[in-house]
Structures are given as structure tokens and as C-alpha cells.
Amino acid sequence: SCCSSDLPGRERQEVAAASLF
């Protein structure tokens, strides 16, 4: 997520997942 831009909601989802761990 830091460097690759797949989808507009990808970054937000990764941040949410990281928040759990």
C-alpha cells in the first residue's frame, strides 16, 4: 500500500487491517 496504487479504497483497507494488529 505504501508505494503501489491499485485501487482508491485499497490504502484505507490496509490501514484498517493494520489497526487490528
Protein backbone atom coordinates (compact mmCIF):
# COMPACT_ATOMS: atom_id res chain seq x y z
CA SER A 1 0.00 0.00 0.00
CA CYS A 2 2.89 2.32 0.70
CA CYS A 3 4.06 2.51 -2.88
CA SER A 4 1.63 0.65 -5.15
CA SER A 5 -1.70 2.25 -6.03
CA ASP A 6 -4.12 -0.49 -7.06
CA LEU A 7 -7.49 0.91 -6.06
CA PRO A 8 -8.66 4.09 -4.32
CA GLY A 9 -10.02 2.13 -1.36
CA ARG A 10 -7.01 -0.17 -1.11
CA GLU A 11 -4.97 2.17 1.11
CA ARG A 12 -7.86 2.74 3.50
CA GLN A 13 -8.48 -1.01 3.80
CA GLU A 14 -4.83 -1.73 4.55
CA VAL A 15 -4.79 0.92 7.27
CA ALA A 16 -7.90 -0.62 8.81
CA ALA A 17 -6.32 -4.08 8.74
CA ALA A 18 -3.09 -2.76 10.28
CA SER A 19 -5.15 -1.14 13.03
CA LEU A 20 -6.33 -4.57 14.15
CA PHE A 21 -2.77 -5.88 14.56
